[in-house]
C-alpha atoms as a PDB file:
ATOM      1  CA  MET A   1      23.975 -83.936  40.408  1.00  0.00           C
ATOM      2  CA  LYS A   2      26.442 -86.466  41.751  1.00  0.00           C
ATOM      3  CA  ARG A   3      27.168 -86.851  45.460  1.00  0.00           C
ATOM      4  CA  PRO A   4      30.549 -88.634  45.736  1.00  0.00           C
ATOM      5  CA  TRP A   5      30.656 -88.196  49.525  1.00  0.00           C
ATOM      6  CA  LEU A   6      27.761 -90.693  49.704  1.00  0.00           C
ATOM      7  CA  ALA A   7      29.650 -93.389  47.771  1.00  0.00           C
ATOM      8  CA  PRO A   8      30.167 -95.550  50.908  1.00  0.00           C
ATOM      9  CA  LEU A   9      26.381 -96.018  51.052  1.00  0.00           C
ATOM     10  CA  THR A  10      26.038 -97.175  47.443  1.00  0.00           C
ATOM     11  CA  PRO A  11      26.858-100.856  48.200  1.00  0.00           C
ATOM     12  CA  LEU A  12      24.014-100.904  50.737  1.00  0.00           C
ATOM     13  CA  TYR A  13      21.610 -99.524  48.136  1.00  0.00           C
ATOM     14  CA  ALA A  14      22.882-102.038  45.546  1.00  0.00           C
ATOM     15  CA  ALA A  15      22.398-104.913  47.989  1.00  0.00           C
ATOM     16  CA  GLY A  16      18.831-103.890  48.737  1.00  0.00           C
ATOM     17  CA  LEU A  17      18.101-103.553  45.020  1.00  0.00           C
ATOM     18  CA  ALA A  18      19.584-106.979  44.284  1.00  0.00           C
ATOM     19  CA  LEU A  19      17.474-108.571  47.033  1.00  0.00           C
ATOM     20  CA  ARG A  20      14.301-106.968  45.685  1.00  0.00           C
ATOM     21  CA  ASN A  21      15.031-108.143  42.137  1.00  0.00           C
ATOM     22  CA  LEU A  22      15.786-111.639  43.440  1.00  0.00           C
ATOM     23  CA  ARG A  23      12.403-111.726  45.176  1.00  0.00           C
ATOM     24  CA  ILE A  24      10.612-110.799  41.974  1.00  0.00           C
ATOM     25  CA  GLU A  25      12.588-113.095  39.680  1.00  0.00           C
ATOM     26  CA  HIS A  26      12.048-116.113  41.957  1.00  0.00           C
ATOM     27  CA  GLY A  27       8.381-115.400  42.516  1.00  0.00           C
ATOM     28  CA  TRP A  28       8.763-114.614  46.220  1.00  0.00           C
ATOM     29  CA  GLU A  29       7.114-111.245  45.597  1.00  0.00           C
ATOM     30  CA  PRO A  30       3.891-111.481  43.560  1.00  0.00           C
ATOM     31  CA  VAL A  31       3.616-109.813  40.157  1.00  0.00           C
ATOM     32  CA  ARG A  32      -0.030-109.011  39.460  1.00  0.00           C
ATOM     33  CA  GLN A  33      -1.550-108.802  35.998  1.00  0.00           C
ATOM     34  CA  LEU A  34      -4.359-106.588  34.757  1.00  0.00           C
ATOM     35  CA  ARG A  35      -6.952-107.701  32.233  1.00  0.00           C
ATOM     36  CA  TRP A  36      -5.866-105.171  29.615  1.00  0.00           C
ATOM     37  CA  PRO A  37      -2.318-104.872  28.185  1.00  0.00           C
ATOM     38  CA  VAL A  38       0.169-102.597  29.927  1.00  0.00           C
ATOM     39  CA  VAL A  39       2.776-100.482  28.126  1.00  0.00           C
ATOM     40  CA  SER A  40       5.328 -99.128  30.598  1.00  0.00           C
ATOM     41  CA  ILE A  41       7.378 -95.961  30.052  1.00  0.00           C
ATOM     42  CA  GLY A  42      10.334 -95.505  32.399  1.00  0.00           C
ATOM     43  CA  ASN A  43      14.022 -94.799  32.802  1.00  0.00           C
ATOM     44  CA  LEU A  44      16.998 -95.654  35.003  1.00  0.00           C
ATOM     45  CA  SER A  45      17.733 -92.261  36.538  1.00  0.00           C
ATOM     46  CA  THR A  46      15.863 -90.297  39.188  1.00  0.00           C
ATOM     47  CA  GLY A  47      14.198 -87.953  36.706  1.00  0.00           C
ATOM     48  CA  GLY A  48      14.477 -85.555  33.818  1.00  0.00           C
ATOM     49  CA  ALA A  49      14.521 -88.141  31.031  1.00  0.00           C
ATOM     50  CA  GLY A  50      11.204 -87.119  29.490  1.00  0.00           C
ATOM     51  CA  LYS A  51       8.982 -89.973  30.681  1.00  0.00           C
ATOM     52  CA  THR A  52       5.875 -87.821  31.103  1.00  0.00           C
ATOM     53  CA  PRO A  53       6.242 -85.995  27.743  1.00  0.00           C
ATOM     54  CA  LEU A  54       6.715 -89.387  26.030  1.00  0.00           C
ATOM     55  CA  THR A  55       3.637 -90.769  27.798  1.00  0.00           C
ATOM     56  CA  ILE A  56       1.696 -87.749  26.540  1.00  0.00           C
ATOM     57  CA  ALA A  57       3.041 -88.192  22.992  1.00  0.00           C
ATOM     58  CA  LEU A  58       2.135 -91.896  22.921  1.00  0.00           C
ATOM     59  CA  ALA A  59      -1.338 -91.301  24.375  1.00  0.00           C
ATOM     60  CA  LYS A  60      -2.061 -88.692  21.711  1.00  0.00           C
ATOM     61  CA  ALA A  61      -0.637 -90.799  18.867  1.00  0.00           C
ATOM     62  CA  LEU A  62      -2.549 -93.938  19.897  1.00  0.00           C
ATOM     63  CA  THR A  63      -5.765 -91.955  20.351  1.00  0.00           C
ATOM     64  CA  ARG A  64      -5.394 -90.502  16.862  1.00  0.00           C
ATOM     65  CA  ARG A  65      -5.334 -94.090  15.592  1.00  0.00           C
ATOM     66  CA  GLY A  66      -8.698 -94.707  17.244  1.00  0.00           C
ATOM     67  CA  LEU A  67      -7.271 -96.781  20.086  1.00  0.00           C
ATOM     68  CA  ARG A  68      -8.677 -96.420  23.574  1.00  0.00           C
ATOM     69  CA  VAL A  69      -5.925 -95.593  26.057  1.00  0.00           C
ATOM     70  CA  ASP A  70      -5.660 -94.662  29.702  1.00  0.00           C
ATOM     71  CA  VAL A  71      -2.707 -93.772  31.927  1.00  0.00           C
ATOM     72  CA  LEU A  72      -1.828 -95.271  35.312  1.00  0.00           C
ATOM     73  CA  SER A  73       0.306 -93.315  37.773  1.00  0.00           C
ATOM     74  CA  LYS A  74       1.306 -93.308  41.406  1.00  0.00           C
ATOM     75  CA  GLY A  75       0.615 -89.579  41.583  1.00  0.00           C
ATOM     76  CA  TYR A  76       3.838 -88.725  43.367  1.00  0.00           C
ATOM     77  CA  GLY A  77       3.474 -85.930  45.948  1.00  0.00           C
ATOM     78  CA  ARG A  78      -0.313 -85.958  46.205  1.00  0.00           C
ATOM     79  CA  GLN A  79      -1.833 -85.668  49.651  1.00  0.00           C
ATOM     80  CA  SER A  80      -4.585 -88.277  49.222  1.00  0.00           C
ATOM     81  CA  GLN A  81      -3.787 -91.999  49.122  1.00  0.00           C
ATOM     82  CA  ARG A  82      -7.119 -93.153  47.696  1.00  0.00           C
ATOM     83  CA  SER A  83      -7.420 -94.578  44.184  1.00  0.00           C
ATOM     84  CA  ALA A  84      -9.010 -92.008  41.904  1.00  0.00           C
ATOM     85  CA  ARG A  85      -9.615 -90.901  38.349  1.00  0.00           C
ATOM     86  CA  VAL A  86      -7.890 -87.585  37.788  1.00  0.00           C
ATOM     87  CA  ASP A  87     -10.174 -84.586  37.367  1.00  0.00           C
ATOM     88  CA  PRO A  88      -8.445 -82.259  34.867  1.00  0.00           C
ATOM     89  CA  ASN A  89      -9.892 -79.332  36.833  1.00  0.00           C
ATOM     90  CA  GLY A  90      -8.421 -80.638  40.084  1.00  0.00           C
ATOM     91  CA  THR A  91      -5.189 -79.768  41.860  1.00  0.00           C
ATOM     92  CA  ALA A  92      -1.707 -81.222  42.195  1.00  0.00           C
ATOM     93  CA  GLU A  93      -2.385 -81.782  45.896  1.00  0.00           C
ATOM     94  CA  GLU A  94      -5.261 -84.091  44.954  1.00  0.00           C
ATOM     95  CA  PHE A  95      -3.694 -85.999  42.066  1.00  0.00           C
ATOM     96  CA  GLY A  96      -0.001 -85.118  41.656  1.00  0.00           C
ATOM     97  CA  ASP A  97       1.492 -82.711  39.134  1.00  0.00           C
ATOM     98  CA  GLU A  98       2.369 -85.216  36.400  1.00  0.00           C
ATOM     99  CA  PRO A  99      -0.991 -87.076  36.289  1.00  0.00           C
ATOM    100  CA  LEU A 100      -2.807 -83.732  36.211  1.00  0.00           C
ATOM    101  CA  LEU A 101      -0.614 -82.484  33.355  1.00  0.00           C
ATOM    102  CA  ILE A 102      -1.187 -85.730  31.391  1.00  0.00           C
ATOM    103  CA  ALA A 103      -4.960 -85.526  31.890  1.00  0.00           C
ATOM    104  CA  ARG A 104      -5.102 -81.902  30.757  1.00  0.00           C
ATOM    105  CA  GLN A 105      -2.917 -82.354  27.687  1.00  0.00           C
ATOM    106  CA  THR A 106      -4.227 -85.674  26.365  1.00  0.00           C
ATOM    107  CA  GLY A 107      -7.887 -85.820  27.344  1.00  0.00           C
ATOM    108  CA  VAL A 108      -7.513 -89.548  28.097  1.00  0.00           C
ATOM    109  CA  PRO A 109      -8.548 -91.037  31.456  1.00  0.00           C
ATOM    110  CA  VAL A 110      -5.733 -90.940  34.035  1.00  0.00           C
ATOM    111  CA  TYR A 111      -5.905 -92.997  37.229  1.00  0.00           C
ATOM    112  CA  VAL A 112      -3.775 -92.642  40.344  1.00  0.00           C
ATOM    113  CA  ALA A 113      -3.235 -95.054  43.206  1.00  0.00           C
ATOM    114  CA  ARG A 114      -0.499 -95.951  45.651  1.00  0.00           C
ATOM    115  CA  GLN A 115      -0.226 -99.283  43.823  1.00  0.00           C
ATOM    116  CA  ARG A 116      -0.553 -99.006  40.051  1.00  0.00           C
ATOM    117  CA  TYR A 117      -2.441-102.332  39.984  1.00  0.00           C
ATOM    118  CA  ASP A 118      -5.223-100.659  41.998  1.00  0.00           C
ATOM    119  CA  ALA A 119      -5.274 -97.775  39.512  1.00  0.00           C
ATOM    120  CA  GLY A 120      -5.613-100.297  36.677  1.00  0.00           C
ATOM    121  CA  GLN A 121      -8.425-102.147  38.413  1.00  0.00           C
ATOM    122  CA  LEU A 122     -10.295 -98.881  38.859  1.00  0.00           C
ATOM    123  CA  ALA A 123      -9.849 -98.166  35.138  1.00  0.00           C
ATOM    124  CA  GLU A 124     -11.113-101.606  34.158  1.00  0.00           C
ATOM    125  CA  THR A 125     -14.208-101.488  36.344  1.00  0.00           C
ATOM    126  CA  GLU A 126     -15.577 -98.055  35.492  1.00  0.00           C
ATOM    127  CA  PRO A 127     -19.178 -98.751  34.434  1.00  0.00           C
ATOM    128  CA  SER A 128     -19.115 -96.686  31.257  1.00  0.00           C
ATOM    129  CA  ASP A 129     -15.902 -98.281  29.990  1.00  0.00           C
ATOM    130  CA  SER A 130     -15.979-101.880  31.237  1.00  0.00           C
ATOM    131  CA  GLU A 131     -17.048-103.479  27.952  1.00  0.00           C
ATOM    132  CA  LYS A 132     -14.514-101.721  25.730  1.00  0.00           C
ATOM    133  CA  SER A 133     -11.080-102.906  24.703  1.00  0.00           C
ATOM    134  CA  ALA A 134      -8.304-100.751  26.125  1.00  0.00           C
ATOM    135  CA  MET A 135      -4.638-100.521  26.983  1.00  0.00           C
ATOM    136  CA  HIS A 136      -2.879 -98.966  29.922  1.00  0.00           C
ATOM    137  CA  LEU A 137       0.139 -96.663  29.670  1.00  0.00           C
ATOM    138  CA  LEU A 138       2.165 -96.950  32.861  1.00  0.00           C
ATOM    139  CA  ASP A 139       3.955 -93.670  33.565  1.00  0.00           C
ATOM    140  CA  ASP A 140       7.350 -94.091  35.291  1.00  0.00           C
ATOM    141  CA  GLY A 141       6.912 -97.845  35.461  1.00  0.00           C
ATOM    142  CA  PHE A 142      10.291 -99.448  34.769  1.00  0.00           C
ATOM    143  CA  GLN A 143      11.075-100.060  38.447  1.00  0.00           C
ATOM    144  CA  HIS A 144       7.456-100.915  39.365  1.00  0.00           C
ATOM    145  CA  ARG A 145       7.942-104.608  38.692  1.00  0.00           C
ATOM    146  CA  GLN A 146       5.063-105.741  40.912  1.00  0.00           C
ATOM    147  CA  LEU A 147       2.780-105.050  37.928  1.00  0.00           C
ATOM    148  CA  HIS A 148       3.066-107.208  34.812  1.00  0.00           C
ATOM    149  CA  ARG A 149       3.727-105.242  31.656  1.00  0.00           C
ATOM    150  CA  ASP A 150       3.534-106.406  28.059  1.00  0.00           C
ATOM    151  CA  ILE A 151       5.882-103.785  26.607  1.00  0.00           C
ATOM    152  CA  ASP A 152       8.665-102.046  28.541  1.00  0.00           C
ATOM    153  CA  ILE A 153       9.871 -98.777  26.991  1.00  0.00           C
ATOM    154  CA  LEU A 154      13.090 -97.516  28.577  1.00  0.00           C
ATOM    155  CA  LEU A 155      14.402 -93.992  28.019  1.00  0.00           C
ATOM    156  CA  LEU A 156      18.179 -94.024  28.003  1.00  0.00           C
ATOM    157  CA  ASP A 157      20.706 -91.216  27.595  1.00  0.00           C
ATOM    158  CA  SER A 158      24.465 -91.274  27.103  1.00  0.00           C
ATOM    159  CA  ARG A 159      24.716 -89.526  30.494  1.00  0.00           C
ATOM    160  CA  ASP A 160      23.335 -92.662  32.135  1.00  0.00           C
ATOM    161  CA  GLY A 161      26.456 -94.521  31.048  1.00  0.00           C
ATOM    162  CA  ARG A 162      28.608 -92.038  32.956  1.00  0.00           C
ATOM    163  CA  ASP A 163      26.450 -92.018  36.079  1.00  0.00           C
ATOM    164  CA  SER A 164      26.476 -94.204  39.169  1.00  0.00           C
ATOM    165  CA  LEU A 165      23.942 -95.734  41.521  1.00  0.00           C
ATOM    166  CA  LEU A 166      22.109 -93.862  44.229  1.00  0.00           C
ATOM    167  CA  PRO A 167      22.821 -92.269  46.593  1.00  0.00           C
ATOM    168  CA  ALA A 168      26.189 -91.162  45.162  1.00  0.00           C
ATOM    169  CA  GLY A 169      24.780 -90.858  41.645  1.00  0.00           C
ATOM    170  CA  ASN A 170      21.348 -90.657  40.067  1.00  0.00           C
ATOM    171  CA  LEU A 171      20.747 -94.196  38.787  1.00  0.00           C
ATOM    172  CA  ARG A 172      17.914 -96.108  40.400  1.00  0.00           C
ATOM    173  CA  GLU A 173      19.237 -99.287  38.760  1.00  0.00           C
ATOM    174  CA  PRO A 174      22.519-100.276  37.108  1.00  0.00           C
ATOM    175  CA  LEU A 175      22.829-100.171  33.325  1.00  0.00           C
ATOM    176  CA  LYS A 176      22.486-103.957  33.041  1.00  0.00           C
ATOM    177  CA  ALA A 177      18.807-103.531  34.013  1.00  0.00           C
ATOM    178  CA  ALA A 178      18.259-102.194  30.484  1.00  0.00           C
ATOM    179  CA  ARG A 179      18.213-105.820  29.322  1.00  0.00           C
ATOM    180  CA  ARG A 180      14.635-106.020  30.662  1.00  0.00           C
ATOM    181  CA  ALA A 181      13.484-103.409  28.139  1.00  0.00           C
ATOM    182  CA  THR A 182      11.396-104.288  25.106  1.00  0.00           C
ATOM    183  CA  VAL A 183      12.203-100.928  23.485  1.00  0.00           C
ATOM    184  CA  ILE A 184      14.963 -98.425  24.233  1.00  0.00           C
ATOM    185  CA  ALA A 185      14.260 -94.786  23.403  1.00  0.00           C
ATOM    186  CA  ILE A 186      17.240 -92.443  23.025  1.00  0.00           C
ATOM    187  CA  PRO A 187      17.576 -88.699  22.325  1.00  0.00           C
ATOM    188  CA  ALA A 188      17.936 -87.850  18.631  1.00  0.00           C
ATOM    189  CA  LYS A 189      21.123 -85.866  19.268  1.00  0.00           C
ATOM    190  CA  ASP A 190      24.466 -85.819  17.490  1.00  0.00           C
ATOM    191  CA  ASP A 191      25.701 -88.809  19.494  1.00  0.00           C
ATOM    192  CA  ALA A 192      22.594 -90.916  18.717  1.00  0.00           C
ATOM    193  CA  PRO A 193      24.350 -93.135  16.100  1.00  0.00           C
ATOM    194  CA  GLN A 194      27.185 -93.871  18.537  1.00  0.00           C
ATOM    195  CA  LEU A 195      24.771 -94.659  21.383  1.00  0.00           C
ATOM    196  CA  GLU A 196      22.676 -96.894  19.161  1.00  0.00           C
ATOM    197  CA  ALA A 197      25.787 -98.719  17.931  1.00  0.00           C
ATOM    198  CA  ALA A 198      26.945 -99.193  21.528  1.00  0.00           C
ATOM    199  CA  LEU A 199      23.559-100.672  22.496  1.00  0.00           C
ATOM    200  CA  ARG A 200      23.689-103.091  19.575  1.00  0.00           C
ATOM    201  CA  ALA A 201      27.262-104.089  20.414  1.00  0.00           C
ATOM    202  CA  TRP A 202      26.131-104.626  23.996  1.00  0.00           C
ATOM    203  CA  GLY A 203      23.588-107.122  22.696  1.00  0.00           C
ATOM    204  CA  PHE A 204      20.281-105.256  22.702  1.00  0.00           C
ATOM    205  CA  GLU A 205      18.173-106.620  19.836  1.00  0.00           C
ATOM    206  CA  GLY A 206      14.859-104.785  20.324  1.00  0.00           C
ATOM    207  CA  PRO A 207      13.645-101.613  18.612  1.00  0.00           C
ATOM    208  CA  ILE A 208      15.538 -98.401  19.325  1.00  0.00           C
ATOM    209  CA  TRP A 209      13.439 -95.263  19.006  1.00  0.00           C
ATOM    210  CA  ARG A 210      14.828 -91.759  18.608  1.00  0.00           C
ATOM    211  CA  LEU A 211      13.124 -88.889  20.400  1.00  0.00           C
ATOM    212  CA  ARG A 212      13.371 -85.171  19.733  1.00  0.00           C
ATOM    213  CA  ARG A 213      12.752 -82.720  22.549  1.00  0.00           C
ATOM    214  CA  ALA A 214      11.071 -79.510  21.395  1.00  0.00           C
ATOM    215  CA  MET A 215      10.756 -76.618  23.837  1.00  0.00           C
ATOM    216  CA  GLU A 216       8.334 -73.846  22.970  1.00  0.00           C
ATOM    217  CA  VAL A 217       8.302 -70.477  24.744  1.00  0.00           C
ATOM    218  CA  PRO A 218       5.827 -67.592  24.455  1.00  0.00           C
ATOM    219  CA  PRO A 219       7.011 -64.178  23.232  1.00  0.00           C
ATOM    220  CA  VAL A 220       8.968 -62.276  25.887  1.00  0.00           C
ATOM    221  CA  ASP A 221      10.384 -58.753  25.705  1.00  0.00           C
ATOM    222  CA  GLY A 222      13.585 -58.447  27.683  1.00  0.00           C
ATOM    223  CA  PRO A 223      15.390 -60.614  30.247  1.00  0.00           C
ATOM    224  CA  VAL A 224      13.456 -63.248  32.200  1.00  0.00           C
ATOM    225  CA  ALA A 225      13.702 -64.870  35.616  1.00  0.00           C
ATOM    226  CA  ALA A 226      13.471 -68.643  35.192  1.00  0.00           C
ATOM    227  CA  PHE A 227      12.487 -71.019  37.983  1.00  0.00           C
ATOM    228  CA  CYS A 228      11.610 -74.688  38.215  1.00  0.00           C
ATOM    229  CA  GLY A 229      11.290 -77.620  40.587  1.00  0.00           C
ATOM    230  CA  ILE A 230      12.317 -80.517  38.349  1.00  0.00           C
ATOM    231  CA  ALA A 231      14.980 -83.224  38.409  1.00  0.00           C
ATOM    232  CA  ARG A 232      17.361 -81.554  35.941  1.00  0.00           C
ATOM    233  CA  PRO A 233      16.920 -77.769  36.213  1.00  0.00           C
ATOM    234  CA  GLU A 234      20.104 -77.065  34.270  1.00  0.00           C
ATOM    235  CA  GLN A 235      18.515 -78.744  31.238  1.00  0.00           C
ATOM    236  CA  PHE A 236      15.560 -76.340  31.434  1.00  0.00           C
ATOM    237  CA  PHE A 237      17.778 -73.258  31.809  1.00  0.00           C
ATOM    238  CA  ALA A 238      20.049 -74.349  28.939  1.00  0.00           C
ATOM    239  CA  GLY A 239      17.013 -74.936  26.730  1.00  0.00           C
ATOM    240  CA  LEU A 240      15.743 -71.417  27.351  1.00  0.00           C
ATOM    241  CA  GLU A 241      19.142 -69.920  26.525  1.00  0.00           C
ATOM    242  CA  ALA A 242      19.366 -72.049  23.377  1.00  0.00           C
ATOM    243  CA  LEU A 243      16.116 -70.436  22.225  1.00  0.00           C
ATOM    244  CA  GLY A 244      17.664 -66.975  22.675  1.00  0.00           C
ATOM    245  CA  LEU A 245      16.213 -65.952  26.033  1.00  0.00           C
ATOM    246  CA  GLN A 246      18.365 -63.873  28.353  1.00  0.00           C
ATOM    247  CA  LEU A 247      18.182 -65.168  31.917  1.00  0.00           C
ATOM    248  CA  ALA A 248      18.451 -62.320  34.419  1.00  0.00           C
ATOM    249  CA  ALA A 249      17.997 -64.798  37.260  1.00  0.00           C
ATOM    250  CA  ARG A 250      17.436 -68.497  37.757  1.00  0.00           C
ATOM    251  CA  TYR A 251      16.010 -70.384  40.708  1.00  0.00           C
ATOM    252  CA  ALA A 252      16.169 -74.160  41.054  1.00  0.00           C
ATOM    253  CA  PHE A 253      14.078 -76.079  43.582  1.00  0.00           C
ATOM    254  CA  PRO A 254      13.843 -79.808  44.375  1.00  0.00           C
ATOM    255  CA  ASP A 255      11.735 -81.978  42.074  1.00  0.00           C
ATOM    256  CA  HIS A 256       7.966 -81.699  42.778  1.00  0.00           C
ATOM    257  CA  HIS A 257       8.584 -78.645  44.991  1.00  0.00           C
ATOM    258  CA  ARG A 258       5.477 -77.036  46.497  1.00  0.00           C
ATOM    259  CA  TYR A 259       5.648 -73.250  46.252  1.00  0.00           C
ATOM    260  CA  THR A 260       4.469 -70.873  48.945  1.00  0.00           C
ATOM    261  CA  PRO A 261       3.273 -67.253  48.658  1.00  0.00           C
ATOM    262  CA  ALA A 262       6.277 -66.138  50.737  1.00  0.00           C
ATOM    263  CA  GLU A 263       8.694 -67.786  48.283  1.00  0.00           C
ATOM    264  CA  LEU A 264       7.011 -66.172  45.297  1.00  0.00           C
ATOM    265  CA  GLN A 265       7.185 -62.754  46.952  1.00  0.00           C
ATOM    266  CA  ARG A 266      10.845 -63.227  47.797  1.00  0.00           C
ATOM    267  CA  PHE A 267      12.035 -64.155  44.345  1.00  0.00           C
ATOM    268  CA  SER A 268       9.705 -61.591  42.728  1.00  0.00           C
ATOM    269  CA  ASP A 269      11.633 -58.916  44.635  1.00  0.00           C
ATOM    270  CA  LEU A 270      14.963 -60.444  43.600  1.00  0.00           C
ATOM    271  CA  ALA A 271      13.881 -60.782  39.955  1.00  0.00           C
ATOM    272  CA  LEU A 272      12.872 -57.111  39.790  1.00  0.00           C
ATOM    273  CA  GLU A 273      16.244 -56.125  41.214  1.00  0.00           C
ATOM    274  CA  ALA A 274      17.942 -58.286  38.553  1.00  0.00           C
ATOM    275  CA  GLY A 275      16.092 -56.452  35.768  1.00  0.00           C
ATOM    276  CA  ALA A 276      13.758 -59.266  34.729  1.00  0.00           C
ATOM    277  CA  THR A 277      10.623 -58.396  32.731  1.00  0.00           C
ATOM    278  CA  ALA A 278       8.820 -61.726  33.199  1.00  0.00           C
ATOM    279  CA  PHE A 279       8.970 -65.050  34.974  1.00  0.00           C
ATOM    280  CA  ILE A 280       9.140 -68.282  33.024  1.00  0.00           C
ATOM    281  CA  THR A 281       8.661 -71.823  34.321  1.00  0.00           C
ATOM    282  CA  THR A 282       7.770 -75.344  33.167  1.00  0.00           C
ATOM    283  CA  GLU A 283       4.286 -76.722  32.578  1.00  0.00           C
ATOM    284  CA  LYS A 284       4.724 -79.106  35.505  1.00  0.00           C
ATOM    285  CA  ASP A 285       5.608 -76.205  37.798  1.00  0.00           C
ATOM    286  CA  GLN A 286       2.678 -74.186  36.508  1.00  0.00           C
ATOM    287  CA  VAL A 287       0.353 -77.081  37.384  1.00  0.00           C
ATOM    288  CA  ARG A 288       1.865 -77.234  40.869  1.00  0.00           C
ATOM    289  CA  LEU A 289       1.442 -73.497  41.397  1.00  0.00           C
ATOM    290  CA  GLY A 290      -2.320 -73.821  40.986  1.00  0.00           C
ATOM    291  CA  THR A 291      -4.096 -70.640  42.062  1.00  0.00           C
ATOM    292  CA  LEU A 292      -0.734 -69.061  42.938  1.00  0.00           C
ATOM    293  CA  SER A 293      -0.201 -68.601  39.195  1.00  0.00           C
ATOM    294  CA  ALA A 294      -2.459 -65.554  39.416  1.00  0.00           C
ATOM    295  CA  SER A 295      -0.450 -63.941  42.220  1.00  0.00           C
ATOM    296  CA  PHE A 296       2.531 -62.745  40.181  1.00  0.00           C
ATOM    297  CA  PRO A 297       2.888 -58.947  40.026  1.00  0.00           C
ATOM    298  CA  ASP A 298       1.987 -57.084  36.828  1.00  0.00           C
ATOM    299  CA  PRO A 299       5.584 -56.027  36.102  1.00  0.00           C
ATOM    300  CA  LEU A 300       6.576 -59.737  36.149  1.00  0.00           C
ATOM    301  CA  PRO A 301       3.903 -61.803  34.347  1.00  0.00           C
ATOM    302  CA  LEU A 302       4.254 -65.583  34.505  1.00  0.00           C
ATOM    303  CA  LYS A 303       5.060 -67.325  31.213  1.00  0.00           C
ATOM    304  CA  THR A 304       5.108 -71.078  30.695  1.00  0.00           C
ATOM    305  CA  ALA A 305       7.535 -73.006  28.512  1.00  0.00           C
ATOM    306  CA  SER A 306       6.174 -76.230  27.039  1.00  0.00           C
ATOM    307  CA  LEU A 307       8.205 -79.366  26.350  1.00  0.00           C
ATOM    308  CA  ARG A 308       7.124 -81.772  23.633  1.00  0.00           C
ATOM    309  CA  ILE A 309       8.560 -85.136  22.670  1.00  0.00           C
ATOM    310  CA  GLU A 310       8.508 -85.959  18.972  1.00  0.00           C
ATOM    311  CA  ILE A 311       9.043 -89.587  17.995  1.00  0.00           C
ATOM    312  CA  GLU A 312      11.030 -90.063  14.803  1.00  0.00           C
ATOM    313  CA  GLN A 313       9.123 -92.239  12.313  1.00  0.00           C
ATOM    314  CA  GLU A 314       6.087 -92.041  14.578  1.00  0.00           C
ATOM    315  CA  ASP A 315       3.780 -93.906  12.177  1.00  0.00           C
ATOM    316  CA  GLU A 316       6.110 -96.907  12.130  1.00  0.00           C
ATOM    317  CA  VAL A 317       6.449 -96.813  15.929  1.00  0.00           C
ATOM    318  CA  ILE A 318       2.687 -96.807  16.477  1.00  0.00           C
ATOM    319  CA  GLU A 319       2.222 -99.539  13.871  1.00  0.00           C
ATOM    320  CA  TRP A 320       4.763-101.683  15.726  1.00  0.00           C
ATOM    321  CA  LEU A 321       2.950-101.105  19.024  1.00  0.00           C
ATOM    322  CA  VAL A 322      -0.419-102.022  17.525  1.00  0.00           C
ATOM    323  CA  ASP A 323       0.980-105.176  15.894  1.00  0.00           C
ATOM    324  CA  ARG A 324       2.609-106.191  19.166  1.00  0.00           C
ATOM    325  CA  LEU A 325      -0.587-105.657  21.179  1.00  0.00           C
ATOM    326  CA  THR A 326      -3.114-107.104  18.725  1.00  0.00           C
ATOM    327  CA  PRO A 327      -2.519-110.780  19.717  1.00  0.00           C
ATOM    328  CA  LEU A 328      -3.199-109.855  23.349  1.00  0.00           C
ATOM    329  CA  PHE A 329      -6.716-108.753  22.384  1.00  0.00           C
ATOM    330  CA  GLY A 330      -7.338-111.332  19.685  1.00  0.00           C
ATOM    331  CA  HIS A 331      -8.238-108.383  17.429  1.00  0.00           C
ATOM    332  CA  PRO A 332      -6.978-104.830  16.850  1.00  0.00           C
ATOM    333  CA  PRO A 333      -7.398-102.852  20.124  1.00  0.00           C
ATOM    334  CA  LEU A 334      -9.976-100.353  18.827  1.00  0.00           C
END
């Protein structure tokens, strides 16, 4: 959502961003390097681009190839600030919703720390793993330039070209920052050829991947009440309707919202009045609900919609990644 009334503050944000980039580019702010290669997945906007689903897809695809992979994350919204390996049976309060979701869906080690370098060091010094070759996937890492990365994957959407910088818009960086990317990943939608042509005309020479978003929903009889606390709730609601679900009610909360029993009771009452037969939410929200997931009333069971990212020509993409990383190990990273 754009906030044009905040446009007078955008030059201040842009100036601060320019100063930070200047510090990094001139070496005034240190960029630390881990022992194992780092593959960063990020975007330019404040959320909703599919970074976490792509991280999950890459972790699974690389693991299927026999490569050893872990994921580094800040663990946004967690209460603890200590570096830790994510326990898949833990809570979002301990580790953050996205790291917990990644750990549960991939089975790979996930590490969280306030500074991603500290998370990487923890990964590289675990006794059982210290002698094995590995690579780090850096979730939401495009702006985290204090950590050296060997491959920078940037998710970009045609909407980014029509957006503006924070705080008036949703861009954390201007479009010219895309020149730092090693790979640009775009949605495989009808406008994909035009977006790819525009990127080439702009001068981007690296690989351009196409990603397909696939939402899966469990069987539901009758209208549903949909709720979520994500960056682009309208995208979630539109996806449900595109799959044929009738939305009797919809509730949007801020990204990473922490639900309370009182909130759940309130919109359970409203959903019943609206004629809903079930609640439906995202996997990330379900992780954040924790034990509250069991508190929904019988007439309104909680259903979870899953979002998957499918990489077009996945075998070629993974082969390119392996070829690019092999010289960093001196041998295939198995």
